C-alpha cells in the first residue's frame, strides 16, 4: 500500500499539487498523509477524495527521523518534515513504514512516498 505524504503552503491550488504528482510519476496511492493544520486545505481535500486521509500534529511528525529535514519548515510548522514524516508515519499504520521516494518539491508543495 502506497502513502503519499504532502506538505503544502496555504492556498496552493490543486493544479500545482497535481503538477507535482505528475512529475513524481506515481501511478497510484491509497493514503494521503499531512500535518493536521493542512488537512482542510482544498487541494489536500480534493486529492484525498476517495482515499484515506491521515493527519498528524507537528510534535508527532517531529519525532520521525527523515533524510531531508528543513529548518525553514521547522520554523513555519514546528516540525522539520511534513511530507516525508507524514508518509512514513501513515505507512507504519498500513505497511512497512519505509520511505521509497524522498521529498520532491513543486510549486507550493512537497511530496514524498512511503510503503
C-alpha atoms as a PDB file:
ATOM      1  CA  UNK A   1       0.000   0.000   0.000  1.00  0.00           C
ATOM      2  CA  UNK A   2       1.481   3.348  -1.013  1.00  0.00           C
ATOM      3  CA  UNK A   3       1.227   6.501   1.059  1.00  0.00           C
ATOM      4  CA  UNK A   4       1.638   9.991  -0.396  1.00  0.00           C
ATOM      5  CA  UNK A   5       2.996  12.480   2.110  1.00  0.00           C
ATOM      6  CA  UNK A   6       2.009  16.063   1.333  1.00  0.00           C
ATOM      7  CA  UNK A   7       3.498  19.310   2.567  1.00  0.00           C
ATOM      8  CA  UNK A   8       1.629  22.277   1.160  1.00  0.00           C
ATOM      9  CA  UNK A   9       1.655  26.036   1.550  1.00  0.00           C
ATOM     10  CA  UNK A  10      -1.724  27.515   2.482  1.00  0.00           C
ATOM     11  CA  UNK A  11      -3.793  28.410  -0.567  1.00  0.00           C
ATOM     12  CA  UNK A  12      -1.814  26.313  -3.044  1.00  0.00           C
ATOM     13  CA  UNK A  13      -4.161  25.387  -5.898  1.00  0.00           C
ATOM     14  CA  UNK A  14      -4.987  21.786  -6.731  1.00  0.00           C
ATOM     15  CA  UNK A  15      -3.382  22.303 -10.150  1.00  0.00           C
ATOM     16  CA  UNK A  16       0.029  22.802  -8.502  1.00  0.00           C
ATOM     17  CA  UNK A  17      -0.439  19.687  -6.399  1.00  0.00           C
ATOM     18  CA  UNK A  18      -1.389  17.658  -9.459  1.00  0.00           C
ATOM     19  CA  UNK A  19       1.645  19.014 -11.387  1.00  0.00           C
ATOM     20  CA  UNK A  20       3.949  17.862  -8.586  1.00  0.00           C
ATOM     21  CA  UNK A  21       2.222  14.492  -8.514  1.00  0.00           C
ATOM     22  CA  UNK A  22       2.627  14.102 -12.284  1.00  0.00           C
ATOM     23  CA  UNK A  23       6.325  14.988 -12.004  1.00  0.00           C
ATOM     24  CA  UNK A  24       6.671  12.338  -9.312  1.00  0.00           C
ATOM     25  CA  UNK A  25       5.361   9.719 -11.753  1.00  0.00           C
ATOM     26  CA  UNK A  26       3.327   7.941  -9.107  1.00  0.00           C
ATOM     27  CA  UNK A  27       0.722   5.742 -10.788  1.00  0.00           C
ATOM     28  CA  UNK A  28      -1.465   5.245  -7.732  1.00  0.00           C
ATOM     29  CA  UNK A  29      -1.598   5.611  -3.980  1.00  0.00           C
ATOM     30  CA  UNK A  30      -4.037   4.631  -1.266  1.00  0.00           C
ATOM     31  CA  UNK A  31      -3.384   7.083   1.543  1.00  0.00           C
ATOM     32  CA  UNK A  32      -2.713  10.822   1.718  1.00  0.00           C
ATOM     33  CA  UNK A  33      -0.848  11.988   4.817  1.00  0.00           C
ATOM     34  CA  UNK A  34      -0.092  15.509   6.028  1.00  0.00           C
ATOM     35  CA  UNK A  35       0.174  17.782   9.036  1.00  0.00           C
ATOM     36  CA  UNK A  36      -3.065  18.494  10.927  1.00  0.00           C
ATOM     37  CA  UNK A  37      -3.007  22.175  10.058  1.00  0.00           C
ATOM     38  CA  UNK A  38      -3.216  21.418   6.323  1.00  0.00           C
ATOM     39  CA  UNK A  39      -5.976  18.799   6.402  1.00  0.00           C
ATOM     40  CA  UNK A  40      -8.640  21.364   5.479  1.00  0.00           C
ATOM     41  CA  UNK A  41      -6.689  22.790   2.538  1.00  0.00           C
ATOM     42  CA  UNK A  42      -8.976  22.471  -0.514  1.00  0.00           C
ATOM     43  CA  UNK A  43      -6.203  20.912  -2.638  1.00  0.00           C
ATOM     44  CA  UNK A  44      -5.476  18.276   0.035  1.00  0.00           C
ATOM     45  CA  UNK A  45      -9.173  17.513   0.474  1.00  0.00           C
ATOM     46  CA  UNK A  46      -9.610  17.138  -3.298  1.00  0.00           C
ATOM     47  CA  UNK A  47      -6.571  14.883  -3.644  1.00  0.00           C
ATOM     48  CA  UNK A  48      -7.674  12.724  -0.711  1.00  0.00           C
ATOM     49  CA  UNK A  49     -11.218  12.269  -2.027  1.00  0.00           C
ATOM     50  CA  UNK A  50     -11.911   8.536  -2.226  1.00  0.00           C
ATOM     51  CA  UNK A  51      -8.718   7.746  -0.302  1.00  0.00           C
ATOM     52  CA  UNK A  52      -7.769   7.548   3.344  1.00  0.00           C
ATOM     53  CA  UNK A  53      -6.529  10.842   4.797  1.00  0.00           C
ATOM     54  CA  UNK A  54      -4.155  10.655   7.780  1.00  0.00           C
ATOM     55  CA  UNK A  55      -3.105  13.780   9.647  1.00  0.00           C
ATOM     56  CA  UNK A  56      -0.592  14.270  12.431  1.00  0.00           C
ATOM     57  CA  UNK A  57       0.318  17.050  14.849  1.00  0.00           C
ATOM     58  CA  UNK A  58       3.654  18.771  14.286  1.00  0.00           C
ATOM     59  CA  UNK A  59       5.057  17.348  17.526  1.00  0.00           C
ATOM     60  CA  UNK A  60       4.403  13.782  16.326  1.00  0.00           C
ATOM     61  CA  UNK A  61       5.848  14.434  12.862  1.00  0.00           C
ATOM     62  CA  UNK A  62       8.935  15.887  14.506  1.00  0.00           C
ATOM     63  CA  UNK A  63       9.711  12.526  16.152  1.00  0.00           C
ATOM     64  CA  UNK A  64      10.292  10.826  12.778  1.00  0.00           C
ATOM     65  CA  UNK A  65      13.872  10.561  11.553  1.00  0.00           C
ATOM     66  CA  UNK A  66      13.874  11.668   7.898  1.00  0.00           C
ATOM     67  CA  UNK A  67      16.704  12.094   5.383  1.00  0.00           C
ATOM     68  CA  UNK A  68      15.884  15.697   4.421  1.00  0.00           C
ATOM     69  CA  UNK A  69      14.678  17.806   7.368  1.00  0.00           C
ATOM     70  CA  UNK A  70      14.242  21.524   6.731  1.00  0.00           C
ATOM     71  CA  UNK A  71      14.974  24.382   9.111  1.00  0.00           C
ATOM     72  CA  UNK A  72      12.521  26.557   7.180  1.00  0.00           C
ATOM     73  CA  UNK A  73       9.713  24.002   7.523  1.00  0.00           C
ATOM     74  CA  UNK A  74      10.535  23.663  11.235  1.00  0.00           C
ATOM     75  CA  UNK A  75      10.271  27.432  11.691  1.00  0.00           C
ATOM     76  CA  UNK A  76       6.937  27.597   9.851  1.00  0.00           C
ATOM     77  CA  UNK A  77       5.249  24.450  11.166  1.00  0.00           C
ATOM     78  CA  UNK A  78       7.059  23.262  14.291  1.00  0.00           C
ATOM     79  CA  UNK A  79       8.478  20.154  12.617  1.00  0.00           C
ATOM     80  CA  UNK A  80      11.488  19.629  10.376  1.00  0.00           C
ATOM     81  CA  UNK A  81       9.484  17.485   7.965  1.00  0.00           C
ATOM     82  CA  UNK A  82       5.899  17.231   6.793  1.00  0.00           C
ATOM     83  CA  UNK A  83       5.827  15.197   3.552  1.00  0.00           C
ATOM     84  CA  UNK A  84       8.466  12.608   4.445  1.00  0.00           C
ATOM     85  CA  UNK A  85       7.475  12.270   8.105  1.00  0.00           C
ATOM     86  CA  UNK A  86       3.738  12.041   7.372  1.00  0.00           C
ATOM     87  CA  UNK A  87       4.319   9.456   4.641  1.00  0.00           C
ATOM     88  CA  UNK A  88       6.433   7.293   6.942  1.00  0.00           C
ATOM     89  CA  UNK A  89       4.012   7.546   9.883  1.00  0.00           C
ATOM     90  CA  UNK A  90       0.979   6.640   7.790  1.00  0.00           C
ATOM     91  CA  UNK A  91       2.892   3.808   6.108  1.00  0.00           C
ATOM     92  CA  UNK A  92       3.750   2.398   9.527  1.00  0.00           C
ATOM     93  CA  UNK A  93      -0.002   2.103  10.154  1.00  0.00           C
ATOM     94  CA  UNK A  94      -0.729   0.247   6.900  1.00  0.00           C
ATOM     95  CA  UNK A  95       2.559  -1.273   5.763  1.00  0.00           C
ATOM     96  CA  UNK A  96       6.276  -1.273   6.344  1.00  0.00           C
ATOM     97  CA  UNK A  97       6.828   2.382   7.123  1.00  0.00           C
ATOM     98  CA  UNK A  98       9.637   2.687   4.588  1.00  0.00           C
ATOM     99  CA  UNK A  99      10.298   5.856   2.601  1.00  0.00           C
ATOM    100  CA  UNK A 100      10.561   4.892  -1.080  1.00  0.00           C
ATOM    101  CA  UNK A 101      10.652   8.349  -2.668  1.00  0.00           C
ATOM    102  CA  UNK A 102      12.207  11.206  -0.702  1.00  0.00           C
ATOM    103  CA  UNK A 103      10.621  14.616  -0.820  1.00  0.00           C
ATOM    104  CA  UNK A 104      10.192  16.233  -4.191  1.00  0.00           C
ATOM    105  CA  UNK A 105       9.343  19.915  -4.449  1.00  0.00           C
ATOM    106  CA  UNK A 106       6.769  21.562  -6.664  1.00  0.00           C
ATOM    107  CA  UNK A 107       5.107  24.972  -6.702  1.00  0.00           C
ATOM    108  CA  UNK A 108       3.975  25.426  -3.099  1.00  0.00           C
ATOM    109  CA  UNK A 109       4.011  21.694  -2.421  1.00  0.00           C
ATOM    110  CA  UNK A 110       6.358  18.932  -1.311  1.00  0.00           C
ATOM    111  CA  UNK A 111       5.579  15.242  -1.870  1.00  0.00           C
ATOM    112  CA  UNK A 112       7.115  12.010  -0.586  1.00  0.00           C
ATOM    113  CA  UNK A 113       6.104   8.361  -0.915  1.00  0.00           C
ATOM    114  CA  UNK A 114       6.309   5.526   1.602  1.00  0.00           C
ATOM    115  CA  UNK A 115       5.079   1.947   1.734  1.00  0.00           C
END
